[in-house]
């Protein structure tokens, strides 16, 4: 992530957090948790204010949460009692320790040339057969949104190819569109894959 994107998340952390809730896990998060072994170890990569991490923890999973925004880390501690690690995608250096990795609309802030390296590191951090869920905005190229966050967009076939090249086996996908923090409505895809 570039510094400007992190600074925007710091500036708008409370506003962002007010848009998400942990009361009811999303359909995608529920499916991810249902596919994990009981008490499994998971990484919430780019966890934001920690709503998904809190849901996973409360469901009995051993959760590691990581985010690059200091304000998001503070919010996760204050709202949910989470111990979120301040760090970037480059801090995923573990080998075969996670049963699942949840990357919900976080890796789309990485530079396109870094995506293969990050996906390889995620694959390495997962146990054999582990579950990976990635959500990205669909499209081509890179650009900043209306509030200045940097995005890398992916077409579904490109994302599928990147995942397979990193050693993943995609097993399911879903797509739709939502209006985000910037007020813009964007199409997205969420892919579930096995290591």
C-alpha atoms as a PDB file:
ATOM      1  CA  UNK A   1       0.000   0.000   0.000  1.00  0.00           C
ATOM      2  CA  UNK A   2       1.182   3.490  -0.695  1.00  0.00           C
ATOM      3  CA  UNK A   3       1.497   6.043   2.088  1.00  0.00           C
ATOM      4  CA  UNK A   4      -1.358   8.204   0.811  1.00  0.00           C
ATOM      5  CA  UNK A   5      -3.819   5.289   0.976  1.00  0.00           C
ATOM      6  CA  UNK A   6      -2.757   4.447   4.530  1.00  0.00           C
ATOM      7  CA  UNK A   7      -3.078   8.104   5.548  1.00  0.00           C
ATOM      8  CA  UNK A   8      -6.622   8.250   4.139  1.00  0.00           C
ATOM      9  CA  UNK A   9      -7.610   5.155   6.109  1.00  0.00           C
ATOM     10  CA  UNK A  10      -6.145   6.770   9.231  1.00  0.00           C
ATOM     11  CA  UNK A  11      -8.081   9.964   8.585  1.00  0.00           C
ATOM     12  CA  UNK A  12     -11.365   8.187   7.859  1.00  0.00           C
ATOM     13  CA  UNK A  13     -11.039   5.218  10.224  1.00  0.00           C
ATOM     14  CA  UNK A  14     -14.089   6.063  12.346  1.00  0.00           C
ATOM     15  CA  UNK A  15     -16.237   6.770   9.301  1.00  0.00           C
ATOM     16  CA  UNK A  16     -15.112   3.513   7.697  1.00  0.00           C
ATOM     17  CA  UNK A  17     -15.782   1.549  10.881  1.00  0.00           C
ATOM     18  CA  UNK A  18     -19.311   2.977  11.096  1.00  0.00           C
ATOM     19  CA  UNK A  19     -20.050   1.410   7.696  1.00  0.00           C
ATOM     20  CA  UNK A  20     -19.225  -2.131   8.811  1.00  0.00           C
ATOM     21  CA  UNK A  21     -20.812  -4.222  11.516  1.00  0.00           C
ATOM     22  CA  UNK A  22     -19.853  -7.420  13.271  1.00  0.00           C
ATOM     23  CA  UNK A  23     -23.364  -8.249  14.488  1.00  0.00           C
ATOM     24  CA  UNK A  24     -24.000 -10.633  11.617  1.00  0.00           C
ATOM     25  CA  UNK A  25     -21.175 -12.122   9.543  1.00  0.00           C
ATOM     26  CA  UNK A  26     -21.557 -11.599   5.801  1.00  0.00           C
ATOM     27  CA  UNK A  27     -22.550 -14.566   3.659  1.00  0.00           C
ATOM     28  CA  UNK A  28     -18.968 -14.822   2.432  1.00  0.00           C
ATOM     29  CA  UNK A  29     -17.456 -14.691   5.917  1.00  0.00           C
ATOM     30  CA  UNK A  30     -19.935 -17.293   7.179  1.00  0.00           C
ATOM     31  CA  UNK A  31     -19.036 -19.631   4.284  1.00  0.00           C
ATOM     32  CA  UNK A  32     -15.319 -19.117   5.002  1.00  0.00           C
ATOM     33  CA  UNK A  33     -15.787 -19.970   8.695  1.00  0.00           C
ATOM     34  CA  UNK A  34     -17.965 -22.972   7.878  1.00  0.00           C
ATOM     35  CA  UNK A  35     -15.169 -24.384   5.703  1.00  0.00           C
ATOM     36  CA  UNK A  36     -12.523 -24.097   8.427  1.00  0.00           C
ATOM     37  CA  UNK A  37     -11.684 -26.814  10.952  1.00  0.00           C
ATOM     38  CA  UNK A  38     -13.079 -26.206  14.418  1.00  0.00           C
ATOM     39  CA  UNK A  39     -10.765 -23.868  16.338  1.00  0.00           C
ATOM     40  CA  UNK A  40      -8.615 -23.385  13.237  1.00  0.00           C
ATOM     41  CA  UNK A  41      -5.939 -20.744  12.892  1.00  0.00           C
ATOM     42  CA  UNK A  42      -6.778 -17.855  10.565  1.00  0.00           C
ATOM     43  CA  UNK A  43      -5.233 -14.632   9.308  1.00  0.00           C
ATOM     44  CA  UNK A  44      -7.380 -11.578   8.610  1.00  0.00           C
ATOM     45  CA  UNK A  45      -5.120  -9.786   6.132  1.00  0.00           C
ATOM     46  CA  UNK A  46      -5.914  -6.088   5.946  1.00  0.00           C
ATOM     47  CA  UNK A  47      -8.474  -6.382   8.723  1.00  0.00           C
ATOM     48  CA  UNK A  48      -9.476  -2.710   8.944  1.00  0.00           C
ATOM     49  CA  UNK A  49     -11.289  -2.012  12.222  1.00  0.00           C
ATOM     50  CA  UNK A  50     -11.480  -5.744  12.968  1.00  0.00           C
ATOM     51  CA  UNK A  51     -15.140  -6.593  12.496  1.00  0.00           C
ATOM     52  CA  UNK A  52     -14.444  -9.838  10.605  1.00  0.00           C
ATOM     53  CA  UNK A  53     -11.595 -10.764  12.955  1.00  0.00           C
ATOM     54  CA  UNK A  54     -13.903 -10.282  15.935  1.00  0.00           C
ATOM     55  CA  UNK A  55     -16.563 -12.484  14.344  1.00  0.00           C
ATOM     56  CA  UNK A  56     -14.005 -15.207  13.709  1.00  0.00           C
ATOM     57  CA  UNK A  57     -12.574 -14.964  17.218  1.00  0.00           C
ATOM     58  CA  UNK A  58     -16.052 -15.141  18.740  1.00  0.00           C
ATOM     59  CA  UNK A  59     -16.778 -18.230  16.636  1.00  0.00           C
ATOM     60  CA  UNK A  60     -13.846 -19.979  18.322  1.00  0.00           C
ATOM     61  CA  UNK A  61     -11.048 -19.524  15.808  1.00  0.00           C
ATOM     62  CA  UNK A  62      -7.476 -18.542  16.648  1.00  0.00           C
ATOM     63  CA  UNK A  63      -7.221 -15.225  14.812  1.00  0.00           C
ATOM     64  CA  UNK A  64      -4.229 -13.185  13.749  1.00  0.00           C
ATOM     65  CA  UNK A  65      -5.219  -9.765  12.400  1.00  0.00           C
ATOM     66  CA  UNK A  66      -2.953  -7.463  10.396  1.00  0.00           C
ATOM     67  CA  UNK A  67      -3.496  -3.942   9.065  1.00  0.00           C
ATOM     68  CA  UNK A  68      -1.278  -1.123   7.786  1.00  0.00           C
ATOM     69  CA  UNK A  69      -3.340   1.716   9.307  1.00  0.00           C
ATOM     70  CA  UNK A  70      -2.399   2.680  12.892  1.00  0.00           C
ATOM     71  CA  UNK A  71      -5.877   4.151  13.436  1.00  0.00           C
ATOM     72  CA  UNK A  72      -7.562   0.925  12.321  1.00  0.00           C
ATOM     73  CA  UNK A  73      -5.346  -0.985  14.753  1.00  0.00           C
ATOM     74  CA  UNK A  74      -6.444   1.355  17.557  1.00  0.00           C
ATOM     75  CA  UNK A  75     -10.114   1.006  16.604  1.00  0.00           C
ATOM     76  CA  UNK A  76      -9.922  -2.787  16.610  1.00  0.00           C
ATOM     77  CA  UNK A  77      -8.463  -2.733  20.112  1.00  0.00           C
ATOM     78  CA  UNK A  78     -10.999  -0.221  21.419  1.00  0.00           C
ATOM     79  CA  UNK A  79     -14.126  -1.723  19.825  1.00  0.00           C
ATOM     80  CA  UNK A  80     -13.428  -5.441  19.953  1.00  0.00           C
ATOM     81  CA  UNK A  81     -10.481  -5.980  22.282  1.00  0.00           C
ATOM     82  CA  UNK A  82      -8.377  -7.251  19.397  1.00  0.00           C
ATOM     83  CA  UNK A  83      -4.607  -7.315  19.364  1.00  0.00           C
ATOM     84  CA  UNK A  84      -4.103  -6.291  15.730  1.00  0.00           C
ATOM     85  CA  UNK A  85      -0.580  -6.302  14.338  1.00  0.00           C
ATOM     86  CA  UNK A  86       0.451  -3.133  12.544  1.00  0.00           C
ATOM     87  CA  UNK A  87       2.009  -4.295   9.295  1.00  0.00           C
ATOM     88  CA  UNK A  88       1.795  -4.699   5.548  1.00  0.00           C
ATOM     89  CA  UNK A  89       1.353  -7.548   3.095  1.00  0.00           C
ATOM     90  CA  UNK A  90       5.128  -7.985   3.195  1.00  0.00           C
ATOM     91  CA  UNK A  91       4.807  -9.176   6.792  1.00  0.00           C
ATOM     92  CA  UNK A  92       3.179 -12.442   5.699  1.00  0.00           C
ATOM     93  CA  UNK A  93       6.269 -14.617   6.092  1.00  0.00           C
ATOM     94  CA  UNK A  94       4.934 -17.688   7.896  1.00  0.00           C
ATOM     95  CA  UNK A  95       5.173 -21.216   6.511  1.00  0.00           C
ATOM     96  CA  UNK A  96       2.189 -23.604   6.671  1.00  0.00           C
ATOM     97  CA  UNK A  97       0.627 -22.145   9.825  1.00  0.00           C
ATOM     98  CA  UNK A  98      -2.863 -20.991   8.798  1.00  0.00           C
ATOM     99  CA  UNK A  99      -5.966 -23.039   8.059  1.00  0.00           C
ATOM    100  CA  UNK A 100      -7.447 -20.028   6.317  1.00  0.00           C
ATOM    101  CA  UNK A 101      -6.571 -16.518   5.169  1.00  0.00           C
ATOM    102  CA  UNK A 102      -9.255 -13.872   4.717  1.00  0.00           C
ATOM    103  CA  UNK A 103      -8.281 -10.945   2.448  1.00  0.00           C
ATOM    104  CA  UNK A 104     -11.498  -9.009   1.990  1.00  0.00           C
ATOM    105  CA  UNK A 105     -10.856  -6.013  -0.264  1.00  0.00           C
ATOM    106  CA  UNK A 106      -7.349  -5.414   1.040  1.00  0.00           C
ATOM    107  CA  UNK A 107      -4.947  -6.756  -1.598  1.00  0.00           C
ATOM    108  CA  UNK A 108      -6.545  -4.454  -4.174  1.00  0.00           C
ATOM    109  CA  UNK A 109      -4.442  -1.695  -2.606  1.00  0.00           C
ATOM    110  CA  UNK A 110      -1.178  -3.472  -3.502  1.00  0.00           C
ATOM    111  CA  UNK A 111       0.748  -2.526  -6.625  1.00  0.00           C
ATOM    112  CA  UNK A 112      -0.035  -4.843  -9.537  1.00  0.00           C
ATOM    113  CA  UNK A 113       3.599  -5.930  -9.905  1.00  0.00           C
ATOM    114  CA  UNK A 114       3.614  -7.040  -6.247  1.00  0.00           C
ATOM    115  CA  UNK A 115       0.473  -9.194  -6.412  1.00  0.00           C
ATOM    116  CA  UNK A 116       2.194 -12.423  -7.606  1.00  0.00           C
ATOM    117  CA  UNK A 117       4.725 -12.151  -4.770  1.00  0.00           C
ATOM    118  CA  UNK A 118       2.010 -11.517  -2.170  1.00  0.00           C
ATOM    119  CA  UNK A 119      -0.109 -14.414  -3.415  1.00  0.00           C
ATOM    120  CA  UNK A 120       2.904 -16.754  -3.265  1.00  0.00           C
ATOM    121  CA  UNK A 121       3.580 -15.665   0.338  1.00  0.00           C
ATOM    122  CA  UNK A 122      -0.077 -16.251   1.247  1.00  0.00           C
ATOM    123  CA  UNK A 123       0.034 -19.701  -0.354  1.00  0.00           C
ATOM    124  CA  UNK A 124       3.195 -20.509   1.617  1.00  0.00           C
ATOM    125  CA  UNK A 125       1.602 -19.318   4.871  1.00  0.00           C
ATOM    126  CA  UNK A 126      -1.379 -21.647   4.424  1.00  0.00           C
ATOM    127  CA  UNK A 127      -1.396 -25.283   5.406  1.00  0.00           C
ATOM    128  CA  UNK A 128      -1.859 -27.736   2.556  1.00  0.00           C
ATOM    129  CA  UNK A 129      -5.486 -27.504   1.452  1.00  0.00           C
ATOM    130  CA  UNK A 130      -5.997 -24.300   3.428  1.00  0.00           C
ATOM    131  CA  UNK A 131      -8.686 -21.839   2.397  1.00  0.00           C
ATOM    132  CA  UNK A 132      -8.031 -18.413   0.900  1.00  0.00           C
ATOM    133  CA  UNK A 133     -10.725 -15.831   0.240  1.00  0.00           C
ATOM    134  CA  UNK A 134      -9.858 -12.706  -1.737  1.00  0.00           C
ATOM    135  CA  UNK A 135     -12.154  -9.827  -2.621  1.00  0.00           C
ATOM    136  CA  UNK A 136     -11.161  -7.231  -5.227  1.00  0.00           C
ATOM    137  CA  UNK A 137     -12.815  -4.618  -7.407  1.00  0.00           C
ATOM    138  CA  UNK A 138     -13.153  -5.639 -11.031  1.00  0.00           C
ATOM    139  CA  UNK A 139     -11.845  -3.659 -13.955  1.00  0.00           C
ATOM    140  CA  UNK A 140      -8.520  -2.845 -15.550  1.00  0.00           C
ATOM    141  CA  UNK A 141      -5.535  -0.740 -14.640  1.00  0.00           C
ATOM    142  CA  UNK A 142      -4.932   1.256 -11.487  1.00  0.00           C
ATOM    143  CA  UNK A 143      -6.339   4.553 -10.274  1.00  0.00           C
ATOM    144  CA  UNK A 144      -7.200   6.577  -7.224  1.00  0.00           C
ATOM    145  CA  UNK A 145     -10.786   6.801  -6.045  1.00  0.00           C
ATOM    146  CA  UNK A 146     -12.603  10.057  -5.264  1.00  0.00           C
ATOM    147  CA  UNK A 147     -10.942  10.322  -1.837  1.00  0.00           C
ATOM    148  CA  UNK A 148      -7.458   9.397  -3.045  1.00  0.00           C
ATOM    149  CA  UNK A 149      -7.033   5.709  -2.222  1.00  0.00           C
ATOM    150  CA  UNK A 150      -4.932   3.766  -4.736  1.00  0.00           C
ATOM    151  CA  UNK A 151      -6.652   0.736  -6.316  1.00  0.00           C
ATOM    152  CA  UNK A 152      -5.482  -2.060  -8.566  1.00  0.00           C
ATOM    153  CA  UNK A 153      -8.388  -3.539 -10.532  1.00  0.00           C
ATOM    154  CA  UNK A 154      -8.635  -7.105 -11.831  1.00  0.00           C
ATOM    155  CA  UNK A 155     -10.709  -8.854 -14.448  1.00  0.00           C
ATOM    156  CA  UNK A 156     -11.971 -12.257 -13.232  1.00  0.00           C
ATOM    157  CA  UNK A 157      -9.826 -14.241 -15.679  1.00  0.00           C
ATOM    158  CA  UNK A 158      -6.709 -12.307 -14.648  1.00  0.00           C
ATOM    159  CA  UNK A 159      -7.384 -12.979 -10.963  1.00  0.00           C
ATOM    160  CA  UNK A 160      -7.975 -16.662 -11.716  1.00  0.00           C
ATOM    161  CA  UNK A 161      -4.660 -16.863 -13.570  1.00  0.00           C
ATOM    162  CA  UNK A 162      -2.768 -15.080 -10.791  1.00  0.00           C
ATOM    163  CA  UNK A 163      -4.211 -17.435  -8.180  1.00  0.00           C
ATOM    164  CA  UNK A 164      -3.377 -20.552 -10.204  1.00  0.00           C
ATOM    165  CA  UNK A 165       0.153 -19.301 -10.902  1.00  0.00           C
ATOM    166  CA  UNK A 166       0.647 -18.905  -7.138  1.00  0.00           C
ATOM    167  CA  UNK A 167      -0.409 -22.538  -6.581  1.00  0.00           C
ATOM    168  CA  UNK A 168      -4.062 -22.019  -5.647  1.00  0.00           C
ATOM    169  CA  UNK A 169      -7.063 -23.959  -6.886  1.00  0.00           C
ATOM    170  CA  UNK A 170     -10.051 -21.587  -7.185  1.00  0.00           C
ATOM    171  CA  UNK A 171     -13.264 -23.370  -6.187  1.00  0.00           C
ATOM    172  CA  UNK A 172     -15.961 -20.672  -6.025  1.00  0.00           C
ATOM    173  CA  UNK A 173     -16.615 -17.050  -6.883  1.00  0.00           C
ATOM    174  CA  UNK A 174     -19.289 -14.439  -6.420  1.00  0.00           C
ATOM    175  CA  UNK A 175     -19.696 -10.991  -7.908  1.00  0.00           C
ATOM    176  CA  UNK A 176     -21.743  -7.875  -7.352  1.00  0.00           C
ATOM    177  CA  UNK A 177     -21.398  -4.165  -6.778  1.00  0.00           C
ATOM    178  CA  UNK A 178     -21.455  -1.887  -3.747  1.00  0.00           C
ATOM    179  CA  UNK A 179     -21.089   1.755  -2.843  1.00  0.00           C
ATOM    180  CA  UNK A 180     -17.970   2.301  -0.766  1.00  0.00           C
ATOM    181  CA  UNK A 181     -16.482   4.913   1.510  1.00  0.00           C
ATOM    182  CA  UNK A 182     -15.757   7.210  -1.427  1.00  0.00           C
ATOM    183  CA  UNK A 183     -19.416   7.272  -2.471  1.00  0.00           C
ATOM    184  CA  UNK A 184     -18.615   5.530  -5.750  1.00  0.00           C
ATOM    185  CA  UNK A 185     -20.359   2.305  -6.768  1.00  0.00           C
ATOM    186  CA  UNK A 186     -17.920  -0.344  -7.999  1.00  0.00           C
ATOM    187  CA  UNK A 187     -18.231  -3.935  -9.252  1.00  0.00           C
ATOM    188  CA  UNK A 188     -16.382  -6.623  -7.293  1.00  0.00           C
ATOM    189  CA  UNK A 189     -15.512 -10.304  -7.252  1.00  0.00           C
ATOM    190  CA  UNK A 190     -14.838 -12.579  -4.287  1.00  0.00           C
ATOM    191  CA  UNK A 191     -12.963 -15.807  -4.979  1.00  0.00           C
ATOM    192  CA  UNK A 192     -12.494 -18.789  -2.683  1.00  0.00           C
ATOM    193  CA  UNK A 193      -9.455 -20.947  -3.394  1.00  0.00           C
ATOM    194  CA  UNK A 194      -7.586 -23.861  -1.796  1.00  0.00           C
ATOM    195  CA  UNK A 195      -3.838 -24.005  -1.279  1.00  0.00           C
END
